């Protein structure tokens, strides 16, 4: 990388290729949604967009109530971070092992899996998929299939 950073041309359609090194270091994958913010000094800031993180306040409220009502531990995460645990906001990077579970897009039972550094959980995992897009997932530490399904349905309906 030079003093000025990575230099790329804009093509005729207005596209710019994000350098591989940047994509790898920031965990940007094909299909990820990006948000661009224009700052006053003609600077553009680009970052990954998370529908879940963008709606963290209502998510925290609902998860806190459901966690108390069901007496179940509930974990909510986007594709990169644990964002909510029992209604409390979190900001912990997910482990590579757990990211593999998320990207399988299938429900499963997890047992003492480390989802983030120093955070191991057991429970029923459900992906949150809306309009074919993987937003993240939930883990509900409850044997009740009905509780897990209710929480999963809430998220899918809220974001569709």
Protein backbone atom coordinates (compact mmCIF):
# COMPACT_ATOMS: atom_id res chain seq x y z
CA UNK A 1 0.00 0.00 0.00
CA UNK A 2 1.35 3.44 -0.91
CA UNK A 3 1.14 6.65 1.12
CA UNK A 4 -2.17 7.50 -0.53
CA UNK A 5 -3.70 4.09 0.00
CA UNK A 6 -5.20 1.88 -2.69
CA UNK A 7 -5.92 3.63 -5.98
CA UNK A 8 -8.76 2.32 -8.15
CA UNK A 9 -10.57 3.70 -11.22
CA UNK A 10 -14.33 4.16 -11.41
CA UNK A 11 -15.77 2.26 -14.39
CA UNK A 12 -18.46 3.51 -16.79
CA UNK A 13 -21.22 2.21 -14.51
CA UNK A 14 -19.81 4.02 -11.46
CA UNK A 15 -18.36 0.90 -9.84
CA UNK A 16 -15.11 0.67 -7.91
CA UNK A 17 -13.46 -2.64 -7.04
CA UNK A 18 -12.64 -2.91 -3.34
CA UNK A 19 -9.09 -4.29 -3.11
CA UNK A 20 -8.85 -7.91 -2.00
CA UNK A 21 -6.65 -6.98 0.97
CA UNK A 22 -9.31 -4.56 2.23
CA UNK A 23 -12.14 -7.09 1.76
CA UNK A 24 -10.22 -9.76 3.63
CA UNK A 25 -9.16 -7.55 6.52
CA UNK A 26 -12.68 -6.14 6.98
CA UNK A 27 -14.55 -9.39 6.38
CA UNK A 28 -16.43 -8.06 3.36
CA UNK A 29 -17.97 -10.91 1.36
CA UNK A 30 -19.72 -11.05 -1.99
CA UNK A 31 -23.36 -10.08 -1.47
CA UNK A 32 -22.73 -7.96 1.66
CA UNK A 33 -24.65 -4.70 1.81
CA UNK A 34 -22.52 -1.59 2.19
CA UNK A 35 -23.50 1.89 3.38
CA UNK A 36 -21.77 5.05 2.22
CA UNK A 37 -21.65 8.20 4.35
CA UNK A 38 -20.54 11.49 2.86
CA UNK A 39 -18.65 13.69 5.33
CA UNK A 40 -18.34 17.47 5.15
CA UNK A 41 -14.71 17.41 3.96
CA UNK A 42 -15.57 15.50 0.72
CA UNK A 43 -14.66 12.21 2.34
CA UNK A 44 -16.70 9.06 1.86
CA UNK A 45 -16.85 6.45 4.62
CA UNK A 46 -17.94 2.97 3.54
CA UNK A 47 -18.90 0.24 6.00
CA UNK A 48 -20.92 -2.94 6.12
CA UNK A 49 -24.61 -2.42 6.78
CA UNK A 50 -26.45 -4.49 9.37
CA UNK A 51 -30.26 -4.33 9.43
CA UNK A 52 -30.16 -5.84 12.89
CA UNK A 53 -27.65 -3.37 14.30
CA UNK A 54 -29.51 -0.49 12.66
CA UNK A 55 -32.62 -1.53 14.67
CA UNK A 56 -30.87 -2.44 17.93
CA UNK A 57 -33.19 -0.54 20.33
CA UNK A 58 -36.44 -2.37 19.45
CA UNK A 59 -34.52 -5.65 19.23
CA UNK A 60 -33.11 -5.17 22.73
CA UNK A 61 -36.57 -4.35 24.13
CA UNK A 62 -38.26 -7.38 22.57
CA UNK A 63 -35.45 -9.77 23.47
CA UNK A 64 -35.38 -8.54 27.08
CA UNK A 65 -39.13 -9.14 27.49
CA UNK A 66 -39.04 -12.53 25.73
CA UNK A 67 -36.02 -13.61 27.75
CA UNK A 68 -37.77 -12.76 31.01
CA UNK A 69 -41.11 -14.28 29.99
CA UNK A 70 -39.61 -17.53 28.75
CA UNK A 71 -36.77 -17.67 31.30
CA UNK A 72 -34.48 -18.46 28.38
CA UNK A 73 -31.14 -17.01 27.38
CA UNK A 74 -31.49 -15.36 23.97
CA UNK A 75 -28.54 -14.29 21.81
CA UNK A 76 -28.93 -12.18 18.66
CA UNK A 77 -26.17 -11.61 16.13
CA UNK A 78 -25.65 -10.30 12.65
CA UNK A 79 -23.17 -12.00 10.33
CA UNK A 80 -20.17 -10.44 12.12
CA UNK A 81 -21.00 -9.62 15.74
CA UNK A 82 -22.95 -10.69 18.78
CA UNK A 83 -25.23 -7.66 19.14
CA UNK A 84 -27.66 -8.56 21.93
CA UNK A 85 -27.73 -10.95 24.88
CA UNK A 86 -30.95 -11.18 26.91
CA UNK A 87 -31.86 -7.61 25.96
CA UNK A 88 -28.43 -6.13 26.70
CA UNK A 89 -26.46 -4.55 23.87
CA UNK A 90 -23.23 -6.34 22.99
CA UNK A 91 -20.49 -5.65 20.48
CA UNK A 92 -18.39 -8.81 20.27
CA UNK A 93 -16.83 -10.20 17.09
CA UNK A 94 -18.05 -13.68 16.20
CA UNK A 95 -15.56 -16.53 16.07
CA UNK A 96 -14.66 -18.02 12.67
CA UNK A 97 -16.07 -21.39 13.80
CA UNK A 98 -19.45 -19.86 14.61
CA UNK A 99 -19.53 -17.84 11.38
CA UNK A 100 -19.40 -21.19 9.54
CA UNK A 101 -22.55 -22.26 11.43
CA UNK A 102 -24.34 -19.04 10.45
CA UNK A 103 -23.45 -19.30 6.77
CA UNK A 104 -24.89 -22.83 6.53
CA UNK A 105 -28.34 -21.13 6.72
CA UNK A 106 -29.83 -24.09 8.62
CA UNK A 107 -31.37 -24.55 12.03
CA UNK A 108 -29.40 -26.73 14.42
CA UNK A 109 -28.66 -27.46 18.05
CA UNK A 110 -25.35 -26.04 19.31
CA UNK A 111 -23.62 -27.31 22.45
CA UNK A 112 -21.07 -25.14 24.23
CA UNK A 113 -20.01 -23.44 21.02
CA UNK A 114 -17.86 -20.33 21.38
CA UNK A 115 -19.85 -17.71 19.46
CA UNK A 116 -17.57 -14.83 20.53
CA UNK A 117 -14.39 -14.68 22.60
CA UNK A 118 -15.19 -15.85 26.16
CA UNK A 119 -18.85 -16.47 25.25
CA UNK A 120 -19.79 -20.13 24.90
CA UNK A 121 -23.45 -21.08 24.65
CA UNK A 122 -25.77 -24.00 24.10
CA UNK A 123 -29.18 -23.78 22.53
CA UNK A 124 -31.19 -23.90 19.35
CA UNK A 125 -29.72 -21.86 16.50
CA UNK A 126 -31.97 -20.31 13.85
CA UNK A 127 -30.81 -18.13 10.98
CA UNK A 128 -32.66 -14.89 10.29
CA UNK A 129 -33.29 -14.89 6.54
CA UNK A 130 -35.44 -12.21 4.93
CA UNK A 131 -36.16 -12.13 1.19
CA UNK A 132 -33.36 -14.66 0.67
CA UNK A 133 -30.77 -12.51 2.50
CA UNK A 134 -29.02 -13.78 5.62
CA UNK A 135 -29.24 -11.01 8.24
CA UNK A 136 -27.83 -13.03 11.14
CA UNK A 137 -29.32 -15.44 13.61
CA UNK A 138 -30.52 -16.23 17.11
CA UNK A 139 -29.71 -18.81 19.71
CA UNK A 140 -32.39 -19.59 22.26
CA UNK A 141 -31.33 -21.64 25.26
CA UNK A 142 -34.64 -23.42 25.65
CA UNK A 143 -35.86 -26.90 24.91
CA UNK A 144 -39.12 -25.41 23.67
CA UNK A 145 -39.35 -25.48 19.90
CA UNK A 146 -42.34 -23.14 20.13
CA UNK A 147 -40.32 -20.42 21.91
CA UNK A 148 -37.49 -20.58 19.37
CA UNK A 149 -39.90 -20.54 16.43
CA UNK A 150 -41.86 -17.59 17.87
CA UNK A 151 -38.67 -15.53 18.26
CA UNK A 152 -37.44 -16.48 14.78
CA UNK A 153 -40.82 -15.56 13.25
CA UNK A 154 -40.78 -12.20 15.05
CA UNK A 155 -37.44 -11.26 13.48
CA UNK A 156 -38.38 -12.47 10.02
CA UNK A 157 -41.70 -10.58 10.11
CA UNK A 158 -40.13 -7.43 11.59
CA UNK A 159 -37.56 -7.17 8.79
CA UNK A 160 -39.69 -8.25 5.82
